[in-house]
C-alpha atoms as a PDB file:
ATOM      1  CA  MET A   1      18.867 128.498 -58.614  1.00  0.00           C
ATOM      2  CA  ASN A   2      19.820 125.736 -56.194  1.00  0.00           C
ATOM      3  CA  ASP A   3      21.058 122.191 -56.927  1.00  0.00           C
ATOM      4  CA  ASN A   4      17.575 120.682 -56.576  1.00  0.00           C
ATOM      5  CA  VAL A   5      16.222 123.034 -59.221  1.00  0.00           C
ATOM      6  CA  PHE A   6      18.953 122.111 -61.674  1.00  0.00           C
ATOM      7  CA  ARG A   7      18.378 118.394 -61.071  1.00  0.00           C
ATOM      8  CA  GLU A   8      14.775 118.971 -62.107  1.00  0.00           C
ATOM      9  CA  ILE A   9      15.995 120.943 -65.124  1.00  0.00           C
ATOM     10  CA  ASP A  10      18.228 118.069 -66.200  1.00  0.00           C
ATOM     11  CA  GLU A  11      15.340 115.584 -65.940  1.00  0.00           C
ATOM     12  CA  GLU A  12      13.016 117.790 -67.991  1.00  0.00           C
ATOM     13  CA  LEU A  13      15.659 118.297 -70.662  1.00  0.00           C
ATOM     14  CA  ARG A  14      15.988 114.547 -71.100  1.00  0.00           C
ATOM     15  CA  ARG A  15      12.244 114.371 -71.697  1.00  0.00           C
ATOM     16  CA  ASP A  16      12.518 117.006 -74.435  1.00  0.00           C
ATOM     17  CA  ARG A  17      10.393 119.558 -72.581  1.00  0.00           C
ATOM     18  CA  LEU A  18      12.567 122.644 -72.864  1.00  0.00           C
ATOM     19  CA  LEU A  19       9.697 124.996 -73.580  1.00  0.00           C
ATOM     20  CA  ALA A  20       7.873 123.751 -70.496  1.00  0.00           C
ATOM     21  CA  LEU A  21      11.130 124.222 -68.620  1.00  0.00           C
ATOM     22  CA  TRP A  22      11.358 127.852 -69.664  1.00  0.00           C
ATOM     23  CA  GLN A  23       7.754 128.492 -68.681  1.00  0.00           C
ATOM     24  CA  ARG A  24       8.401 126.935 -65.278  1.00  0.00           C
ATOM     25  CA  TYR A  25      11.792 128.436 -64.429  1.00  0.00           C
ATOM     26  CA  GLY A  26      11.933 131.469 -66.688  1.00  0.00           C
ATOM     27  CA  ARG A  27      10.908 133.829 -63.907  1.00  0.00           C
ATOM     28  CA  LEU A  28      14.024 132.914 -61.938  1.00  0.00           C
ATOM     29  CA  VAL A  29      16.190 133.702 -64.945  1.00  0.00           C
ATOM     30  CA  ILE A  30      14.390 136.999 -65.523  1.00  0.00           C
ATOM     31  CA  VAL A  31      14.668 138.055 -61.884  1.00  0.00           C
ATOM     32  CA  GLY A  32      18.424 137.540 -61.999  1.00  0.00           C
ATOM     33  CA  ALA A  33      18.778 139.343 -65.300  1.00  0.00           C
ATOM     34  CA  VAL A  34      16.587 142.263 -64.277  1.00  0.00           C
ATOM     35  CA  SER A  35      18.482 142.658 -61.016  1.00  0.00           C
ATOM     36  CA  LEU A  36      21.756 142.801 -62.909  1.00  0.00           C
ATOM     37  CA  VAL A  37      20.785 145.219 -65.641  1.00  0.00           C
ATOM     38  CA  VAL A  38      18.788 147.583 -63.446  1.00  0.00           C
ATOM     39  CA  VAL A  39      21.775 147.940 -61.122  1.00  0.00           C
ATOM     40  CA  VAL A  40      24.034 148.608 -64.108  1.00  0.00           C
ATOM     41  CA  ALA A  41      21.488 151.033 -65.545  1.00  0.00           C
ATOM     42  CA  ALA A  42      21.359 152.919 -62.279  1.00  0.00           C
ATOM     43  CA  LYS A  43      25.134 153.294 -62.347  1.00  0.00           C
ATOM     44  CA  VAL A  44      25.123 154.383 -65.988  1.00  0.00           C
ATOM     45  CA  GLY A  45      22.280 156.805 -65.411  1.00  0.00           C
ATOM     46  CA  TRP A  46      23.820 158.202 -62.253  1.00  0.00           C
ATOM     47  CA  GLY A  47      27.148 158.895 -63.933  1.00  0.00           C
ATOM     48  CA  GLU A  48      25.521 160.487 -66.944  1.00  0.00           C
ATOM     49  CA  TYR A  49      22.939 162.627 -65.197  1.00  0.00           C
ATOM     50  CA  ASP A  50      24.112 163.350 -61.683  1.00  0.00           C
ATOM     51  CA  ARG A  51      26.047 166.417 -62.801  1.00  0.00           C
ATOM     52  CA  ARG A  52      22.875 167.920 -64.267  1.00  0.00           C
ATOM     53  CA  ALA A  53      20.316 166.754 -61.772  1.00  0.00           C
ATOM     54  CA  GLY A  54      19.391 168.834 -58.773  1.00  0.00           C
ATOM     55  CA  LEU A  55      19.549 167.668 -55.183  1.00  0.00           C
ATOM     56  CA  GLU A  56      15.777 167.293 -55.005  1.00  0.00           C
ATOM     57  CA  ALA A  57      15.685 164.890 -57.965  1.00  0.00           C
ATOM     58  CA  SER A  58      18.513 162.844 -56.497  1.00  0.00           C
ATOM     59  CA  LEU A  59      16.776 162.577 -53.149  1.00  0.00           C
ATOM     60  CA  ARG A  60      13.452 161.559 -54.699  1.00  0.00           C
ATOM     61  CA  TYR A  61      15.085 158.762 -56.667  1.00  0.00           C
ATOM     62  CA  TYR A  62      17.119 157.639 -53.666  1.00  0.00           C
ATOM     63  CA  THR A  63      13.990 157.569 -51.495  1.00  0.00           C
ATOM     64  CA  ALA A  64      12.106 155.450 -54.039  1.00  0.00           C
ATOM     65  CA  THR A  65      14.934 152.921 -54.310  1.00  0.00           C
ATOM     66  CA  GLU A  66      15.169 152.738 -50.531  1.00  0.00           C
ATOM     67  CA  LEU A  67      11.457 151.915 -50.340  1.00  0.00           C
ATOM     68  CA  LEU A  68      12.026 149.162 -52.886  1.00  0.00           C
ATOM     69  CA  GLN A  69      14.955 147.699 -50.975  1.00  0.00           C
ATOM     70  CA  GLN A  70      12.860 147.710 -47.805  1.00  0.00           C
ATOM     71  CA  GLY A  71      10.207 145.626 -49.542  1.00  0.00           C
ATOM     72  CA  ASN A  72       7.593 148.379 -49.679  1.00  0.00           C
ATOM     73  CA  GLU A  73       6.812 147.754 -53.337  1.00  0.00           C
ATOM     74  CA  ASP A  74       3.507 149.639 -53.535  1.00  0.00           C
ATOM     75  CA  ALA A  75       4.977 152.824 -52.106  1.00  0.00           C
ATOM     76  CA  ALA A  76       8.084 152.423 -54.261  1.00  0.00           C
ATOM     77  CA  ARG A  77       6.016 152.029 -57.393  1.00  0.00           C
ATOM     78  CA  ALA A  78       3.951 155.110 -56.552  1.00  0.00           C
ATOM     79  CA  ALA A  79       7.171 157.081 -56.055  1.00  0.00           C
ATOM     80  CA  PHE A  80       8.650 155.833 -59.329  1.00  0.00           C
ATOM     81  CA  VAL A  81       5.454 156.727 -61.202  1.00  0.00           C
ATOM     82  CA  LEU A  82       5.660 160.312 -59.940  1.00  0.00           C
ATOM     83  CA  ILE A  83       9.331 160.570 -60.844  1.00  0.00           C
ATOM     84  CA  ALA A  84       8.614 159.163 -64.305  1.00  0.00           C
ATOM     85  CA  GLU A  85       5.892 161.766 -64.818  1.00  0.00           C
ATOM     86  CA  ASP A  86       7.636 164.898 -63.614  1.00  0.00           C
ATOM     87  CA  GLY A  87      11.190 163.981 -62.696  1.00  0.00           C
ATOM     88  CA  ARG A  88      14.353 165.067 -64.415  1.00  0.00           C
ATOM     89  CA  GLU A  89      15.211 163.342 -67.662  1.00  0.00           C
ATOM     90  CA  GLY A  90      17.675 160.663 -66.478  1.00  0.00           C
ATOM     91  CA  TYR A  91      15.922 159.830 -63.245  1.00  0.00           C
ATOM     92  CA  ALA A  92      12.565 159.685 -65.031  1.00  0.00           C
ATOM     93  CA  THR A  93      13.880 157.001 -67.382  1.00  0.00           C
ATOM     94  CA  LEU A  94      15.325 154.926 -64.565  1.00  0.00           C
ATOM     95  CA  ALA A  95      12.056 155.304 -62.657  1.00  0.00           C
ATOM     96  CA  ARG A  96      10.133 153.971 -65.667  1.00  0.00           C
ATOM     97  CA  LEU A  97      12.391 150.914 -65.765  1.00  0.00           C
ATOM     98  CA  HIS A  98      11.837 150.297 -62.064  1.00  0.00           C
ATOM     99  CA  GLU A  99       8.087 150.730 -62.516  1.00  0.00           C
ATOM    100  CA  ALA A 100       8.090 148.149 -65.313  1.00  0.00           C
ATOM    101  CA  ALA A 101      10.066 145.683 -63.182  1.00  0.00           C
ATOM    102  CA  LEU A 102       7.551 146.072 -60.363  1.00  0.00           C
ATOM    103  CA  LEU A 103       4.627 145.543 -62.731  1.00  0.00           C
ATOM    104  CA  SER A 104       6.295 142.407 -64.029  1.00  0.00           C
ATOM    105  CA  ALA A 105       6.851 141.125 -60.501  1.00  0.00           C
ATOM    106  CA  LYS A 106       3.120 141.633 -59.849  1.00  0.00           C
ATOM    107  CA  GLY A 107       2.241 139.583 -62.909  1.00  0.00           C
ATOM    108  CA  ASP A 108       1.347 142.476 -65.220  1.00  0.00           C
ATOM    109  CA  THR A 109       3.632 141.371 -68.036  1.00  0.00           C
ATOM    110  CA  GLU A 110       1.783 143.329 -70.698  1.00  0.00           C
ATOM    111  CA  GLY A 111       2.045 146.530 -68.672  1.00  0.00           C
ATOM    112  CA  ALA A 112       5.759 146.001 -68.192  1.00  0.00           C
ATOM    113  CA  ILE A 113       6.286 145.311 -71.890  1.00  0.00           C
ATOM    114  CA  ARG A 114       4.443 148.511 -72.820  1.00  0.00           C
ATOM    115  CA  ILE A 115       6.794 150.563 -70.647  1.00  0.00           C
ATOM    116  CA  TYR A 116       9.905 148.813 -71.957  1.00  0.00           C
ATOM    117  CA  ASN A 117       8.781 149.368 -75.546  1.00  0.00           C
ATOM    118  CA  ALA A 118       8.025 153.030 -74.869  1.00  0.00           C
ATOM    119  CA  VAL A 119      11.478 153.623 -73.386  1.00  0.00           C
ATOM    120  CA  ALA A 120      13.160 151.692 -76.201  1.00  0.00           C
ATOM    121  CA  GLU A 121      11.423 153.850 -78.816  1.00  0.00           C
ATOM    122  CA  ASP A 122      11.927 157.184 -77.012  1.00  0.00           C
ATOM    123  CA  GLY A 123      14.360 159.162 -79.124  1.00  0.00           C
ATOM    124  CA  ASP A 124      15.073 161.543 -76.243  1.00  0.00           C
ATOM    125  CA  THR A 125      16.392 158.715 -74.062  1.00  0.00           C
ATOM    126  CA  PRO A 126      20.142 157.944 -74.246  1.00  0.00           C
ATOM    127  CA  ALA A 127      20.997 154.957 -76.429  1.00  0.00           C
ATOM    128  CA  THR A 128      22.384 152.934 -73.519  1.00  0.00           C
ATOM    129  CA  LEU A 129      19.096 153.067 -71.632  1.00  0.00           C
ATOM    130  CA  ARG A 130      17.030 152.480 -74.764  1.00  0.00           C
ATOM    131  CA  SER A 131      19.061 149.330 -75.374  1.00  0.00           C
ATOM    132  CA  LEU A 132      18.544 148.271 -71.767  1.00  0.00           C
ATOM    133  CA  ALA A 133      14.784 148.648 -72.157  1.00  0.00           C
ATOM    134  CA  ARG A 134      14.927 146.551 -75.313  1.00  0.00           C
ATOM    135  CA  ILE A 135      16.803 143.805 -73.424  1.00  0.00           C
ATOM    136  CA  LEU A 136      14.362 143.800 -70.516  1.00  0.00           C
ATOM    137  CA  GLY A 137      11.381 143.767 -72.849  1.00  0.00           C
ATOM    138  CA  ALA A 138      12.854 140.871 -74.820  1.00  0.00           C
ATOM    139  CA  TYR A 139      13.251 138.794 -71.652  1.00  0.00           C
ATOM    140  CA  ARG A 140       9.545 139.259 -70.936  1.00  0.00           C
ATOM    141  CA  ARG A 141       8.522 138.336 -74.497  1.00  0.00           C
ATOM    142  CA  ILE A 142      10.522 135.123 -74.952  1.00  0.00           C
ATOM    143  CA  ASP A 143       7.486 132.875 -74.618  1.00  0.00           C
ATOM    144  CA  ARG A 144       5.084 135.117 -76.539  1.00  0.00           C
ATOM    145  CA  GLU A 145       6.982 136.639 -79.481  1.00  0.00           C
ATOM    146  CA  GLU A 146       8.078 135.150 -82.805  1.00  0.00           C
ATOM    147  CA  PRO A 147      11.642 133.832 -82.331  1.00  0.00           C
ATOM    148  CA  ALA A 148      12.943 135.522 -85.488  1.00  0.00           C
ATOM    149  CA  THR A 149      11.607 138.881 -84.298  1.00  0.00           C
ATOM    150  CA  LEU A 150      13.317 138.624 -80.929  1.00  0.00           C
ATOM    151  CA  VAL A 151      16.623 137.494 -82.409  1.00  0.00           C
ATOM    152  CA  SER A 152      16.640 140.385 -84.900  1.00  0.00           C
ATOM    153  CA  GLU A 153      15.911 142.861 -82.106  1.00  0.00           C
ATOM    154  CA  VAL A 154      18.730 141.779 -79.810  1.00  0.00           C
ATOM    155  CA  GLU A 155      21.317 140.830 -82.452  1.00  0.00           C
ATOM    156  CA  PRO A 156      22.813 144.361 -82.634  1.00  0.00           C
ATOM    157  CA  LEU A 157      23.217 144.279 -78.845  1.00  0.00           C
ATOM    158  CA  THR A 158      25.473 141.203 -79.017  1.00  0.00           C
ATOM    159  CA  ALA A 159      28.325 143.328 -80.404  1.00  0.00           C
ATOM    160  CA  GLU A 160      31.587 143.267 -78.474  1.00  0.00           C
ATOM    161  CA  ASP A 161      31.246 146.893 -77.394  1.00  0.00           C
ATOM    162  CA  SER A 162      27.659 146.563 -76.165  1.00  0.00           C
ATOM    163  CA  PRO A 163      27.240 146.825 -72.368  1.00  0.00           C
ATOM    164  CA  TRP A 164      24.276 144.440 -72.703  1.00  0.00           C
ATOM    165  CA  ARG A 165      26.124 141.871 -74.838  1.00  0.00           C
ATOM    166  CA  HIS A 166      25.915 138.990 -72.364  1.00  0.00           C
ATOM    167  CA  SER A 167      22.222 139.468 -71.657  1.00  0.00           C
ATOM    168  CA  ALA A 168      21.513 139.709 -75.402  1.00  0.00           C
ATOM    169  CA  LEU A 169      23.359 136.424 -75.942  1.00  0.00           C
ATOM    170  CA  GLU A 170      21.380 134.757 -73.154  1.00  0.00           C
ATOM    171  CA  ILE A 171      18.152 135.871 -74.799  1.00  0.00           C
ATOM    172  CA  THR A 172      19.400 134.400 -78.081  1.00  0.00           C
ATOM    173  CA  ALA A 173      20.105 131.093 -76.302  1.00  0.00           C
ATOM    174  CA  LEU A 174      16.667 131.045 -74.685  1.00  0.00           C
ATOM    175  CA  VAL A 175      15.028 131.713 -78.038  1.00  0.00           C
ATOM    176  CA  ALA A 176      17.070 128.845 -79.521  1.00  0.00           C
ATOM    177  CA  ILE A 177      15.778 126.556 -76.756  1.00  0.00           C
ATOM    178  CA  ARG A 178      12.216 127.582 -77.499  1.00  0.00           C
ATOM    179  CA  SER A 179      12.800 126.902 -81.204  1.00  0.00           C
ATOM    180  CA  GLY A 180      14.260 123.458 -80.509  1.00  0.00           C
ATOM    181  CA  GLU A 181      17.781 124.482 -81.548  1.00  0.00           C
ATOM    182  CA  LYS A 182      19.456 122.910 -78.529  1.00  0.00           C
ATOM    183  CA  PRO A 183      23.009 122.592 -79.940  1.00  0.00           C
ATOM    184  CA  LYS A 184      22.970 126.297 -80.828  1.00  0.00           C
ATOM    185  CA  ALA A 185      21.734 127.188 -77.354  1.00  0.00           C
ATOM    186  CA  ARG A 186      24.441 125.074 -75.716  1.00  0.00           C
ATOM    187  CA  GLU A 187      27.128 126.703 -77.869  1.00  0.00           C
ATOM    188  CA  ILE A 188      26.001 130.150 -76.759  1.00  0.00           C
ATOM    189  CA  TYR A 189      25.864 129.125 -73.107  1.00  0.00           C
ATOM    190  CA  MET A 190      29.347 127.596 -73.326  1.00  0.00           C
ATOM    191  CA  GLY A 191      30.643 130.850 -74.755  1.00  0.00           C
ATOM    192  CA  LEU A 192      29.077 132.811 -71.908  1.00  0.00           C
ATOM    193  CA  ALA A 193      30.434 130.363 -69.338  1.00  0.00           C
ATOM    194  CA  GLU A 194      33.977 130.677 -70.716  1.00  0.00           C
ATOM    195  CA  ASP A 195      33.930 134.465 -71.110  1.00  0.00           C
ATOM    196  CA  PRO A 196      35.692 136.057 -68.098  1.00  0.00           C
ATOM    197  CA  ASP A 197      33.730 139.261 -68.688  1.00  0.00           C
ATOM    198  CA  THR A 198      30.353 137.545 -68.232  1.00  0.00           C
ATOM    199  CA  PRO A 199      28.766 138.701 -64.926  1.00  0.00           C
ATOM    200  CA  GLN A 200      29.156 136.046 -62.249  1.00  0.00           C
ATOM    201  CA  ALA A 201      25.480 135.142 -61.824  1.00  0.00           C
ATOM    202  CA  LEU A 202      24.945 134.840 -65.566  1.00  0.00           C
ATOM    203  CA  ARG A 203      28.166 132.849 -65.992  1.00  0.00           C
ATOM    204  CA  GLN A 204      27.064 130.335 -63.364  1.00  0.00           C
ATOM    205  CA  ARG A 205      23.659 130.066 -65.002  1.00  0.00           C
ATOM    206  CA  ALA A 206      25.325 129.545 -68.391  1.00  0.00           C
ATOM    207  CA  GLN A 207      27.530 126.770 -66.991  1.00  0.00           C
ATOM    208  CA  ASP A 208      24.530 124.978 -65.549  1.00  0.00           C
ATOM    209  CA  MET A 209      22.463 125.317 -68.697  1.00  0.00           C
ATOM    210  CA  ALA A 210      25.339 124.200 -70.947  1.00  0.00           C
ATOM    211  CA  SER A 211      25.745 121.134 -68.765  1.00  0.00           C
ATOM    212  CA  ALA A 212      22.015 120.426 -68.833  1.00  0.00           C
ATOM    213  CA  LEU A 213      21.955 120.722 -72.619  1.00  0.00           C
ATOM    214  CA  GLU A 214      24.889 118.360 -73.124  1.00  0.00           C
ATOM    215  CA  GLY A 215      23.926 115.420 -75.325  1.00  0.00           C
ATOM    216  CA  GLU A 216      20.713 117.045 -76.554  1.00  0.00           C
ATOM    217  CA  SER A 217      20.151 116.986 -80.288  1.00  0.00           C
END
């Protein structure tokens, strides 16, 4: 987000319109979060499955991601769908996550949530990727799910040893904003901003949001 955006954020916070703020700018937050966790997931998946996956599976996944990077989203989605249907185990899961992200980008939030939920509940999927799907699904449900439900879902992922800890904490802060618990949200954002292990983009976002929330009660 640029400086102009955060000036608008600060003005809206003063008018006690944090929920409207989330609805207006939430997509920018989600895009940044999805970009981060999908990249991490790809690395995790690659390390875990590359030894078992054949050359053909690797090439199919690489080709699909190249299409995505080139901006050919329709072709990329079609490729990911095929990989998800008949690809090798690890690549199929990553393809499903990419497919959900593309659906979300096209405005099909419900379709994306269905995929995230399916991956999160798939007992054959490694725990790391199931947790990732839970995080991504929670981001998409912040403005449509009961706050207590979301907090209970992501709370286990805030543990120190969780690779998704920082994203889970951001979700908790966003839920607090939606619930009107601004001091709690600011405390979480301050913690993220001061944590040297917080990914750079999220840390900057946390600093800006903590500043914007200052003085709110």
